Amino acid sequence: MEKIFRPSPNSFKNTFCEFTEVMPFELKGLKCQFESKAGSSYYYTENGMYRYSNHWGRLANSKWRLIALDPETVEKKKLGFAPWDNFYPDNAEDELYYIEVDYINNLVNYQHKNCPRYDRKAILRTSFETTKKIKQIRNLQQLTSWAKYFDYEDIDDLRKEIIEQLIYTNKTLEQVKSSLLS
């Protein structure tokens, strides 16, 4: 008789986790151990969790992100895998998150302080503060109207300078802009 691995029911409540997209053949031989009301299927192994779902991001009391394959698959439902040690604690009160910017692809996202990539230089913030800074950074990335008050040669260099200060200092956007205008 095959022993089925079952994690504690509370082991992934209030967590942040990045799943890596994998191909569906990885489920071969595994049995679905839980199916949510929203239609997500969960497969548990001793190494981690597979989740087959058409929605990722904020889920009930957790933040689970899918890192898509490159090139992206066209299927709406995607299979992700995360090792158990990729599930980090989440709550609204603690400063758990920092901001990462991909300047090449013009993307910004938050990351958990327990992520191995954390350089200990970016400022840690609560999830609310992080969301607010990300919104400001996205506006800087996507709009140009804010730049009309600055004397600059390259708007991308100006953007980067402002964004870096938002990530690596506790200055407000207004303080950063003001320091660059004087």
Protein backbone atom coordinates (compact mmCIF):
# COMPACT_ATOMS: atom_id res chain seq x y z
CA MET A 1 0.00 0.00 0.00
CA GLU A 2 1.39 3.39 -1.09
CA LYS A 3 1.88 5.88 1.74
CA ILE A 4 0.38 9.28 0.90
CA PHE A 5 2.24 12.35 2.14
CA ARG A 6 -0.06 14.87 3.83
CA PRO A 7 1.24 18.17 5.18
CA SER A 8 -0.27 19.78 8.23
CA PRO A 9 -3.46 21.64 7.22
CA ASN A 10 -1.98 24.90 8.56
CA SER A 11 1.43 24.56 6.89
CA PHE A 12 0.62 26.97 4.06
CA LYS A 13 -1.93 29.32 5.58
CA ASN A 14 -0.77 32.95 5.69
CA THR A 15 2.19 32.31 3.41
CA PHE A 16 4.00 33.86 0.48
CA CYS A 17 5.33 31.45 -2.12
CA GLU A 18 6.72 31.44 -5.64
CA PHE A 19 5.78 28.40 -7.67
CA THR A 20 7.70 27.49 -10.80
CA GLU A 21 5.60 26.42 -13.77
CA VAL A 22 6.22 22.81 -14.79
CA MET A 23 4.73 20.60 -17.46
CA PRO A 24 1.64 18.48 -16.62
CA PHE A 25 3.49 15.20 -17.20
CA GLU A 26 5.14 15.79 -13.79
CA LEU A 27 1.82 14.78 -12.17
CA LYS A 28 2.08 11.29 -13.61
CA GLY A 29 1.42 8.80 -10.85
CA LEU A 30 0.32 11.45 -8.34
CA LYS A 31 -3.20 11.60 -6.94
CA CYS A 32 -5.02 14.86 -6.35
CA GLN A 33 -5.31 15.28 -2.60
CA PHE A 34 -7.42 18.40 -2.48
CA GLU A 35 -9.58 20.37 -4.89
CA SER A 36 -10.71 23.87 -3.97
CA LYS A 37 -14.15 25.32 -4.61
CA ALA A 38 -12.51 27.53 -7.25
CA GLY A 39 -11.26 24.47 -9.14
CA SER A 40 -7.58 24.39 -8.16
CA SER A 41 -6.08 20.94 -7.65
CA TYR A 42 -3.36 20.21 -5.10
CA TYR A 43 -0.84 17.38 -5.13
CA TYR A 44 1.46 16.95 -2.14
CA THR A 45 4.82 15.19 -2.14
CA GLU A 46 7.55 14.94 0.46
CA ASN A 47 9.51 17.53 -1.55
CA GLY A 48 6.75 20.09 -2.03
CA MET A 49 3.39 20.96 -3.54
CA TYR A 50 2.04 20.91 -7.07
CA ARG A 51 -0.85 23.26 -7.75
CA TYR A 52 -2.88 23.12 -10.96
CA SER A 53 -4.90 26.30 -11.31
CA ASN A 54 -6.14 29.08 -13.55
CA HIS A 55 -5.61 31.78 -10.91
CA TRP A 56 -2.49 32.89 -9.02
CA GLY A 57 -1.69 35.83 -6.77
CA ARG A 58 -3.70 36.60 -3.68
CA LEU A 59 -5.54 33.50 -2.53
CA ALA A 60 -7.71 33.69 0.58
CA ASN A 61 -5.02 34.19 3.24
CA SER A 62 -1.91 33.66 1.11
CA LYS A 63 0.11 35.24 -1.70
CA TRP A 64 1.18 32.64 -4.24
CA ARG A 65 2.88 33.66 -7.47
CA LEU A 66 3.59 31.55 -10.53
CA ILE A 67 6.85 32.02 -12.41
CA ALA A 68 5.79 31.11 -15.93
CA LEU A 69 7.79 29.07 -18.39
CA ASP A 70 9.61 30.98 -21.10
CA PRO A 71 8.10 30.99 -23.63
CA GLU A 72 4.78 31.05 -21.83
CA THR A 73 2.38 28.19 -22.32
CA VAL A 74 -0.97 29.06 -23.88
CA GLU A 75 -3.09 26.99 -21.49
CA LYS A 76 -5.24 28.93 -19.04
CA LYS A 77 -4.68 26.38 -16.28
CA LYS A 78 -1.06 26.09 -15.30
CA LEU A 79 0.81 23.64 -13.12
CA GLY A 80 3.24 25.03 -10.59
CA PHE A 81 5.59 23.36 -8.14
CA ALA A 82 7.07 24.78 -4.94
CA PRO A 83 9.36 23.04 -2.46
CA TRP A 84 8.13 23.19 1.13
CA ASP A 85 10.95 25.53 2.14
CA ASN A 86 9.69 28.15 -0.39
CA PHE A 87 6.63 28.86 1.77
CA TYR A 88 7.44 31.96 3.82
CA PRO A 89 5.33 33.50 6.60
CA ASP A 90 3.00 36.37 5.68
CA ASN A 91 1.07 38.90 7.72
CA ALA A 92 0.01 42.52 7.42
CA GLU A 93 2.00 43.91 10.36
CA ASP A 94 5.61 42.84 9.83
CA GLU A 95 8.10 44.32 7.36
CA LEU A 96 8.47 41.19 5.23
CA TYR A 97 8.71 42.50 1.67
CA TYR A 98 11.16 44.29 -0.56
CA ILE A 99 10.83 45.50 -4.14
CA GLU A 100 12.60 44.10 -7.21
CA VAL A 101 12.69 45.92 -10.53
CA ASP A 102 13.47 44.40 -13.92
CA TYR A 103 14.54 47.44 -15.95
CA ILE A 104 14.98 45.45 -19.17
CA ASN A 105 11.37 44.21 -19.20
CA ASN A 106 10.00 47.27 -17.37
CA LEU A 107 8.54 45.18 -14.54
CA VAL A 108 8.29 45.65 -10.79
CA ASN A 109 7.29 43.14 -8.15
CA TYR A 110 7.58 42.43 -4.45
CA GLN A 111 9.60 39.64 -2.92
CA HIS A 112 9.80 38.11 0.56
CA LYS A 113 12.78 38.85 2.79
CA ASN A 114 13.46 35.10 3.15
CA CYS A 115 14.05 34.78 -0.59
CA PRO A 116 17.66 33.69 -1.22
CA ARG A 117 18.06 36.57 -3.73
CA TYR A 118 17.51 39.23 -1.06
CA ASP A 119 20.66 41.38 -0.96
CA ARG A 120 19.86 42.94 2.45
CA LYS A 121 20.10 46.40 0.83
CA ALA A 122 16.51 47.02 -0.29
CA ILE A 123 14.27 48.45 2.42
CA LEU A 124 11.81 45.98 3.98
CA ARG A 125 8.21 47.12 4.22
CA THR A 126 4.80 45.86 5.24
CA SER A 127 2.64 44.49 2.44
CA PHE A 128 0.54 47.71 2.43
CA GLU A 129 3.62 49.97 2.19
CA THR A 130 5.11 47.72 -0.49
CA THR A 131 1.93 47.85 -2.57
CA LYS A 132 1.91 51.65 -2.35
CA LYS A 133 5.56 51.92 -3.51
CA ILE A 134 4.95 49.46 -6.36
CA LYS A 135 2.05 51.58 -7.60
CA GLN A 136 4.29 54.67 -7.59
CA ILE A 137 7.05 52.81 -9.44
CA ARG A 138 4.62 51.52 -12.07
CA ASN A 139 3.40 55.08 -12.66
CA LEU A 140 7.01 56.21 -13.08
CA GLN A 141 7.62 53.36 -15.54
CA GLN A 142 4.48 53.86 -17.63
CA LEU A 143 3.84 57.61 -17.60
CA THR A 144 5.91 60.59 -18.69
CA SER A 145 3.85 63.57 -17.46
CA TRP A 146 5.66 63.55 -14.09
CA ALA A 147 9.00 64.25 -15.84
CA LYS A 148 8.06 67.65 -17.31
CA TYR A 149 9.40 69.45 -14.23
CA PHE A 150 12.86 67.89 -14.47
CA ASP A 151 15.89 68.86 -16.50
CA TYR A 152 17.15 65.56 -17.90
CA GLU A 153 18.83 64.10 -20.97
CA ASP A 154 17.49 60.54 -20.71
CA ILE A 155 14.13 59.84 -19.06
CA ASP A 156 15.13 56.19 -18.45
CA ASP A 157 18.14 57.31 -16.40
CA LEU A 158 15.92 59.70 -14.44
CA ARG A 159 13.35 56.93 -13.85
CA LYS A 160 16.02 54.57 -12.61
CA GLU A 161 17.46 57.15 -10.23
CA ILE A 162 14.04 57.84 -8.68
CA ILE A 163 13.07 54.17 -8.53
CA GLU A 164 16.37 53.16 -6.90
CA GLN A 165 15.82 55.75 -4.16
CA LEU A 166 12.31 54.44 -3.59
CA ILE A 167 13.68 50.90 -3.21
CA TYR A 168 16.81 51.59 -1.17
CA THR A 169 15.72 54.48 1.08
CA ASN A 170 12.75 55.39 3.22
CA LYS A 171 12.23 58.64 1.33
CA THR A 172 8.78 59.40 0.03
CA LEU A 173 8.29 59.92 -3.69
CA GLU A 174 7.83 63.64 -3.03
CA GLN A 175 11.13 63.79 -1.08
CA VAL A 176 12.98 61.97 -3.88
CA LYS A 177 11.58 64.27 -6.57
CA SER A 178 12.28 67.36 -4.48
CA SER A 179 15.92 66.33 -3.90
CA LEU A 180 16.40 65.93 -7.67
CA LEU A 181 14.82 69.28 -8.49
CA SER A 182 17.07 71.28 -6.15
